[in-house]
C-alpha atoms as a PDB file:
ATOM      1  CA  MET A   1     -51.114  30.490 -14.505  1.00  0.00           C
ATOM      2  CA  GLN A   2     -48.120  28.390 -15.617  1.00  0.00           C
ATOM      3  CA  LEU A   3     -44.862  28.848 -13.270  1.00  0.00           C
ATOM      4  CA  HIS A   4     -42.401  29.148 -15.978  1.00  0.00           C
ATOM      5  CA  LYS A   5     -44.172  31.391 -17.931  1.00  0.00           C
ATOM      6  CA  TRP A   6     -44.458  33.884 -15.229  1.00  0.00           C
ATOM      7  CA  LEU A   7     -41.255  33.375 -14.077  1.00  0.00           C
ATOM      8  CA  SER A   8     -40.066  34.476 -17.551  1.00  0.00           C
ATOM      9  CA  ASP A   9     -42.312  37.075 -18.452  1.00  0.00           C
ATOM     10  CA  GLU A  10     -40.924  40.511 -18.081  1.00  0.00           C
ATOM     11  CA  ASN A  11     -44.372  42.195 -17.315  1.00  0.00           C
ATOM     12  CA  ARG A  12     -45.443  39.319 -14.811  1.00  0.00           C
ATOM     13  CA  SER A  13     -48.758  40.027 -12.722  1.00  0.00           C
ATOM     14  CA  PHE A  14     -48.385  40.628  -8.948  1.00  0.00           C
ATOM     15  CA  ASP A  15     -51.914  38.760  -8.788  1.00  0.00           C
ATOM     16  CA  ASP A  16     -50.967  35.950 -10.960  1.00  0.00           C
ATOM     17  CA  GLY A  17     -47.588  35.688  -8.682  1.00  0.00           C
ATOM     18  CA  LEU A  18     -49.818  35.344  -5.582  1.00  0.00           C
ATOM     19  CA  ILE A  19     -52.056  32.524  -7.186  1.00  0.00           C
ATOM     20  CA  LEU A  20     -48.831  30.676  -8.042  1.00  0.00           C
ATOM     21  CA  LEU A  21     -47.587  31.075  -4.172  1.00  0.00           C
ATOM     22  CA  ARG A  22     -50.778  29.982  -2.883  1.00  0.00           C
ATOM     23  CA  GLU A  23     -51.074  26.987  -5.682  1.00  0.00           C
ATOM     24  CA  PHE A  24     -47.223  26.056  -4.416  1.00  0.00           C
ATOM     25  CA  ARG A  25     -48.101  26.206  -0.507  1.00  0.00           C
ATOM     26  CA  ILE A  26     -46.062  29.046   0.154  1.00  0.00           C
ATOM     27  CA  SER A  27     -46.357  29.822   3.549  1.00  0.00           C
ATOM     28  CA  ASP A  28     -49.041  32.406   4.619  1.00  0.00           C
ATOM     29  CA  VAL A  29     -46.303  34.362   6.397  1.00  0.00           C
ATOM     30  CA  LYS A  30     -44.544  34.961   3.214  1.00  0.00           C
ATOM     31  CA  ILE A  31     -47.468  35.420   1.288  1.00  0.00           C
ATOM     32  CA  ASN A  32     -48.957  38.102   3.525  1.00  0.00           C
ATOM     33  CA  THR A  33     -45.585  39.619   3.791  1.00  0.00           C
ATOM     34  CA  VAL A  34     -45.689  40.254   0.003  1.00  0.00           C
ATOM     35  CA  ILE A  35     -49.360  41.421   0.216  1.00  0.00           C
ATOM     36  CA  SER A  36     -48.160  44.108   2.400  1.00  0.00           C
ATOM     37  CA  LEU A  37     -45.392  45.045   0.085  1.00  0.00           C
ATOM     38  CA  LYS A  38     -47.663  44.808  -2.955  1.00  0.00           C
ATOM     39  CA  GLY A  39     -46.395  47.893  -5.286  1.00  0.00           C
ATOM     40  CA  THR A  40     -42.902  47.786  -4.622  1.00  0.00           C
ATOM     41  CA  LYS A  41     -39.731  46.041  -6.667  1.00  0.00           C
ATOM     42  CA  THR A  42     -39.272  44.010  -3.432  1.00  0.00           C
ATOM     43  CA  ALA A  43     -42.586  42.122  -3.403  1.00  0.00           C
ATOM     44  CA  VAL A  44     -42.168  41.081  -6.912  1.00  0.00           C
ATOM     45  CA  ARG A  45     -38.466  40.050  -6.403  1.00  0.00           C
ATOM     46  CA  LYS A  46     -39.342  37.936  -3.596  1.00  0.00           C
ATOM     47  CA  MET A  47     -42.057  36.519  -5.337  1.00  0.00           C
ATOM     48  CA  ILE A  48     -39.612  35.472  -8.077  1.00  0.00           C
ATOM     49  CA  GLU A  49     -36.960  34.093  -5.413  1.00  0.00           C
ATOM     50  CA  TRP A  50     -39.247  31.838  -3.742  1.00  0.00           C
ATOM     51  CA  LEU A  51     -41.120  30.289  -7.225  1.00  0.00           C
ATOM     52  CA  THR A  52     -37.570  30.007  -8.760  1.00  0.00           C
ATOM     53  CA  LEU A  53     -36.948  27.720  -5.955  1.00  0.00           C
ATOM     54  CA  VAL A  54     -40.163  25.976  -6.389  1.00  0.00           C
ATOM     55  CA  SER A  55     -39.334  25.352 -10.173  1.00  0.00           C
ATOM     56  CA  MET A  56     -35.844  24.073  -9.642  1.00  0.00           C
ATOM     57  CA  ASN A  57     -35.782  21.666  -6.477  1.00  0.00           C
ATOM     58  CA  LYS A  58     -38.234  20.766  -4.052  1.00  0.00           C
ATOM     59  CA  PRO A  59     -39.928  17.280  -4.874  1.00  0.00           C
ATOM     60  CA  ALA A  60     -42.984  17.576  -2.871  1.00  0.00           C
ATOM     61  CA  VAL A  61     -43.882  20.880  -4.658  1.00  0.00           C
ATOM     62  CA  LYS A  62     -42.906  19.460  -8.023  1.00  0.00           C
ATOM     63  CA  GLN A  63     -45.574  16.493  -7.308  1.00  0.00           C
ATOM     64  CA  ILE A  64     -48.361  19.519  -7.090  1.00  0.00           C
ATOM     65  CA  TYR A  65     -46.992  21.103 -10.138  1.00  0.00           C
ATOM     66  CA  TYR A  66     -47.012  18.013 -11.945  1.00  0.00           C
ATOM     67  CA  SER A  67     -50.333  17.017 -10.782  1.00  0.00           C
ATOM     68  CA  LYS A  68     -51.871  20.157 -12.592  1.00  0.00           C
ATOM     69  CA  ASN A  69     -51.085  18.606 -15.840  1.00  0.00           C
ATOM     70  CA  ALA A  70     -52.572  15.303 -16.684  1.00  0.00           C
ATOM     71  CA  GLU A  71     -50.007  14.256 -19.426  1.00  0.00           C
ATOM     72  CA  VAL A  72     -46.879  15.349 -16.913  1.00  0.00           C
ATOM     73  CA  LYS A  73     -48.691  13.298 -14.021  1.00  0.00           C
ATOM     74  CA  ALA A  74     -49.155  10.303 -16.428  1.00  0.00           C
ATOM     75  CA  LEU A  75     -45.353  10.590 -17.046  1.00  0.00           C
ATOM     76  CA  ASP A  76     -44.934  10.938 -13.642  1.00  0.00           C
ATOM     77  CA  ASP A  77     -46.771   8.108 -12.293  1.00  0.00           C
ATOM     78  CA  THR A  78     -45.057   5.584 -15.261  1.00  0.00           C
ATOM     79  CA  TRP A  79     -41.598   6.097 -14.132  1.00  0.00           C
ATOM     80  CA  ARG A  80     -42.396   5.759 -10.552  1.00  0.00           C
ATOM     81  CA  ARG A  81     -44.081   2.678 -10.985  1.00  0.00           C
ATOM     82  CA  SER A  82     -41.107   1.492 -13.262  1.00  0.00           C
ATOM     83  CA  TYR A  83     -38.590   2.893 -10.530  1.00  0.00           C
ATOM     84  CA  LYS A  84     -40.411   0.731  -8.044  1.00  0.00           C
ATOM     85  CA  THR A  85     -40.337  -2.330 -10.117  1.00  0.00           C
ATOM     86  CA  ALA A  86     -36.500  -1.907 -10.632  1.00  0.00           C
ATOM     87  CA  HIS A  87     -36.218  -1.193  -6.768  1.00  0.00           C
ATOM     88  CA  HIS A  88     -38.098  -4.387  -6.134  1.00  0.00           C
ATOM     89  CA  ILE A  89     -36.038  -6.468  -8.167  1.00  0.00           C
ATOM     90  CA  HIS A  90     -33.041  -5.252  -6.992  1.00  0.00           C
ATOM     91  CA  GLN A  91     -33.888  -6.061  -3.064  1.00  0.00           C
ATOM     92  CA  THR A  92     -35.653  -9.313  -3.641  1.00  0.00           C
ATOM     93  CA  VAL A  93     -33.534 -10.685  -6.578  1.00  0.00           C
ATOM     94  CA  LEU A  94     -30.103  -9.035  -6.560  1.00  0.00           C
ATOM     95  CA  LYS A  95     -29.692  -8.844  -2.688  1.00  0.00           C
ATOM     96  CA  ASN A  96     -30.285 -12.808  -2.486  1.00  0.00           C
ATOM     97  CA  GLU A  97     -27.436 -14.562  -1.989  1.00  0.00           C
ATOM     98  CA  LYS A  98     -28.943 -17.880  -2.634  1.00  0.00           C
ATOM     99  CA  ALA A  99     -29.651 -17.135  -6.500  1.00  0.00           C
ATOM    100  CA  SER A 100     -28.152 -18.479  -9.163  1.00  0.00           C
ATOM    101  CA  GLU A 101     -25.999 -16.352 -11.633  1.00  0.00           C
ATOM    102  CA  ALA A 102     -28.503 -16.969 -14.385  1.00  0.00           C
ATOM    103  CA  ILE A 103     -31.242 -15.335 -12.321  1.00  0.00           C
ATOM    104  CA  LEU A 104     -29.111 -12.694 -11.106  1.00  0.00           C
ATOM    105  CA  GLY A 105     -28.007 -11.665 -14.744  1.00  0.00           C
ATOM    106  CA  GLU A 106     -31.759 -12.028 -15.648  1.00  0.00           C
ATOM    107  CA  ALA A 107     -32.601  -9.773 -13.178  1.00  0.00           C
ATOM    108  CA  ALA A 108     -29.884  -7.030 -13.769  1.00  0.00           C
ATOM    109  CA  LEU A 109     -30.770  -7.037 -17.481  1.00  0.00           C
ATOM    110  CA  LYS A 110     -34.412  -6.378 -16.230  1.00  0.00           C
ATOM    111  CA  ILE A 111     -33.629  -3.404 -14.125  1.00  0.00           C
ATOM    112  CA  LEU A 112     -31.407  -2.096 -16.821  1.00  0.00           C
ATOM    113  CA  ASP A 113     -34.255  -2.473 -19.764  1.00  0.00           C
ATOM    114  CA  LEU A 114     -36.415  -0.719 -17.494  1.00  0.00           C
ATOM    115  CA  PHE A 115     -34.256   2.379 -16.875  1.00  0.00           C
ATOM    116  CA  GLU A 116     -33.284   2.400 -20.562  1.00  0.00           C
ATOM    117  CA  LYS A 117     -36.979   1.951 -21.981  1.00  0.00           C
ATOM    118  CA  GLU A 118     -38.782   4.122 -19.311  1.00  0.00           C
ATOM    119  CA  VAL A 119     -37.364   5.674 -16.487  1.00  0.00           C
ATOM    120  CA  ASP A 120     -34.539   7.538 -18.317  1.00  0.00           C
ATOM    121  CA  PRO A 121     -36.506   8.741 -21.456  1.00  0.00           C
ATOM    122  CA  ILE A 122     -39.270  10.013 -18.774  1.00  0.00           C
ATOM    123  CA  TRP A 123     -36.662  11.946 -16.594  1.00  0.00           C
ATOM    124  CA  LYS A 124     -35.553  13.513 -19.894  1.00  0.00           C
ATOM    125  CA  ASP A 125     -39.050  14.435 -20.663  1.00  0.00           C
ATOM    126  CA  LEU A 126     -39.855  16.064 -17.199  1.00  0.00           C
ATOM    127  CA  LYS A 127     -36.212  17.677 -17.461  1.00  0.00           C
ATOM    128  CA  GLU A 128     -37.594  19.416 -20.420  1.00  0.00           C
ATOM    129  CA  PHE A 129     -40.622  20.498 -18.779  1.00  0.00           C
ATOM    130  CA  ASP A 130     -39.140  21.783 -15.490  1.00  0.00           C
ATOM    131  CA  SER A 131     -37.134  23.729 -17.734  1.00  0.00           C
ATOM    132  CA  THR A 132     -39.467  25.042 -20.357  1.00  0.00           C
ATOM    133  CA  GLY A 133     -43.119  24.652 -18.783  1.00  0.00           C
ATOM    134  CA  LYS A 134     -44.000  22.170 -21.709  1.00  0.00           C
ATOM    135  CA  LEU A 135     -43.009  18.781 -22.857  1.00  0.00           C
ATOM    136  CA  PRO A 136     -41.273  17.766 -25.851  1.00  0.00           C
ATOM    137  CA  GLU A 137     -43.842  17.498 -28.891  1.00  0.00           C
ATOM    138  CA  LEU A 138     -43.100  13.477 -29.142  1.00  0.00           C
ATOM    139  CA  HIS A 139     -42.738  12.526 -25.484  1.00  0.00           C
ATOM    140  CA  PHE A 140     -42.696   9.013 -23.855  1.00  0.00           C
ATOM    141  CA  ASN A 141     -46.547   8.616 -23.503  1.00  0.00           C
ATOM    142  CA  THR A 142     -47.003  10.135 -27.326  1.00  0.00           C
ATOM    143  CA  PRO A 143     -49.224   7.575 -28.948  1.00  0.00           C
ATOM    144  CA  LYS A 144     -47.008   5.700 -31.677  1.00  0.00           C
ATOM    145  CA  LYS A 145     -48.661   6.182 -35.071  1.00  0.00           C
ATOM    146  CA  GLU A 146     -49.002   2.891 -37.293  1.00  0.00           C
ATOM    147  CA  THR A 147     -46.718   2.708 -39.960  1.00  0.00           C
ATOM    148  CA  SER A 148     -47.764   1.627 -43.202  1.00  0.00           C
ATOM    149  CA  ILE A 149     -46.215  -1.583 -44.931  1.00  0.00           C
ATOM    150  CA  GLN A 150     -44.411   1.059 -47.565  1.00  0.00           C
ATOM    151  CA  ASP A 151     -43.251   3.138 -44.838  1.00  0.00           C
ATOM    152  CA  LYS A 152     -41.693  -0.214 -43.408  1.00  0.00           C
ATOM    153  CA  ILE A 153     -40.043  -1.289 -46.612  1.00  0.00           C
ATOM    154  CA  LYS A 154     -38.609   2.409 -47.084  1.00  0.00           C
ATOM    155  CA  ARG A 155     -37.379   2.312 -43.615  1.00  0.00           C
ATOM    156  CA  LEU A 156     -35.643  -1.192 -44.080  1.00  0.00           C
ATOM    157  CA  ASN A 157     -33.918  -0.028 -47.604  1.00  0.00           C
ATOM    158  CA  ASN A 158     -32.530   2.819 -45.493  1.00  0.00           C
ATOM    159  CA  LEU A 159     -31.206   1.186 -42.894  1.00  0.00           C
ATOM    160  CA  ARG A 160     -29.360  -1.359 -45.037  1.00  0.00           C
ATOM    161  CA  THR A 161     -27.917   1.349 -46.973  1.00  0.00           C
ATOM    162  CA  TYR A 162     -27.222   3.403 -43.542  1.00  0.00           C
ATOM    163  CA  ILE A 163     -25.107  -0.040 -42.258  1.00  0.00           C
ATOM    164  CA  SER A 164     -23.461  -0.647 -45.187  1.00  0.00           C
ATOM    165  CA  LYS A 165     -22.338   2.815 -45.939  1.00  0.00           C
ATOM    166  CA  PHE A 166     -20.825   3.360 -42.278  1.00  0.00           C
ATOM    167  CA  SER A 167     -20.063  -0.338 -41.689  1.00  0.00           C
ATOM    168  CA  LYS A 168     -16.183   0.827 -41.642  1.00  0.00           C
ATOM    169  CA  ASN A 169     -16.999   3.969 -39.463  1.00  0.00           C
ATOM    170  CA  ILE A 170     -15.940   3.385 -35.642  1.00  0.00           C
ATOM    171  CA  ALA A 171     -17.536   6.607 -34.683  1.00  0.00           C
ATOM    172  CA  LYS A 172     -20.870   5.032 -36.094  1.00  0.00           C
ATOM    173  CA  SER A 173     -20.610   1.691 -34.272  1.00  0.00           C
ATOM    174  CA  ASP A 174     -23.400   2.353 -31.682  1.00  0.00           C
ATOM    175  CA  ASP A 175     -25.773   3.986 -34.393  1.00  0.00           C
ATOM    176  CA  ILE A 176     -24.675   0.628 -36.723  1.00  0.00           C
ATOM    177  CA  ILE A 177     -25.905  -1.732 -33.534  1.00  0.00           C
ATOM    178  CA  LYS A 178     -28.953   0.106 -33.273  1.00  0.00           C
ATOM    179  CA  TRP A 179     -29.453   0.153 -36.949  1.00  0.00           C
ATOM    180  CA  LYS A 180     -29.233  -3.429 -37.122  1.00  0.00           C
ATOM    181  CA  ALA A 181     -31.463  -4.357 -34.157  1.00  0.00           C
ATOM    182  CA  GLU A 182     -34.020  -1.985 -36.040  1.00  0.00           C
ATOM    183  CA  ARG A 183     -33.509  -3.914 -39.357  1.00  0.00           C
ATOM    184  CA  ASP A 184     -33.954  -7.286 -38.174  1.00  0.00           C
ATOM    185  CA  GLN A 185     -37.309  -6.042 -36.185  1.00  0.00           C
ATOM    186  CA  LEU A 186     -38.500  -4.765 -39.393  1.00  0.00           C
ATOM    187  CA  GLN A 187     -37.516  -7.868 -41.435  1.00  0.00           C
ATOM    188  CA  ASN A 188     -39.330  -9.666 -38.879  1.00  0.00           C
ATOM    189  CA  GLU A 189     -42.676  -7.691 -39.155  1.00  0.00           C
ATOM    190  CA  LEU A 190     -42.672  -7.804 -42.566  1.00  0.00           C
ATOM    191  CA  ASP A 191     -42.052 -11.673 -42.889  1.00  0.00           C
ATOM    192  CA  VAL A 192     -45.213 -11.945 -41.069  1.00  0.00           C
ATOM    193  CA  ILE A 193     -47.351 -10.017 -43.675  1.00  0.00           C
END
């Protein structure tokens, strides 16, 4: 039984609610209380209240919830590894008073890179999972499909068009930077071929 599905269902099952209470290790006292109130609105209301708290916060309970879904667990493990790496760099390099500015700058960029490319995108995917009970269709661990040469050439031409069309548009300056980086990457890939 999926927690978010049960919470959003208007005709939620008492028995499924009990299963969820046990899955998320809600105390036996609370479980026995709702069992004794079975058939009343109060029992279901209390189940909703406790399970809503579970779905919103409680990191330890979230870990149990994530461990029931292999894809989510893999995402959770990945961001935690990257976060630990960033934390290690912070503790060992950035807090080292003897480190040169070049080493400090390199370490800071590595931390930013870890957050930008791994931690933040995964947090975004997990936030989606927390609110809807499903991962986005294309999430961090979605295998990247191989792009054909024709697709790369087409994308390269589109990027060139975007860059020239919006070059004077200040609102698109961030996009232009990304497009130029992608253009350069594609150009390098096509030059190798």
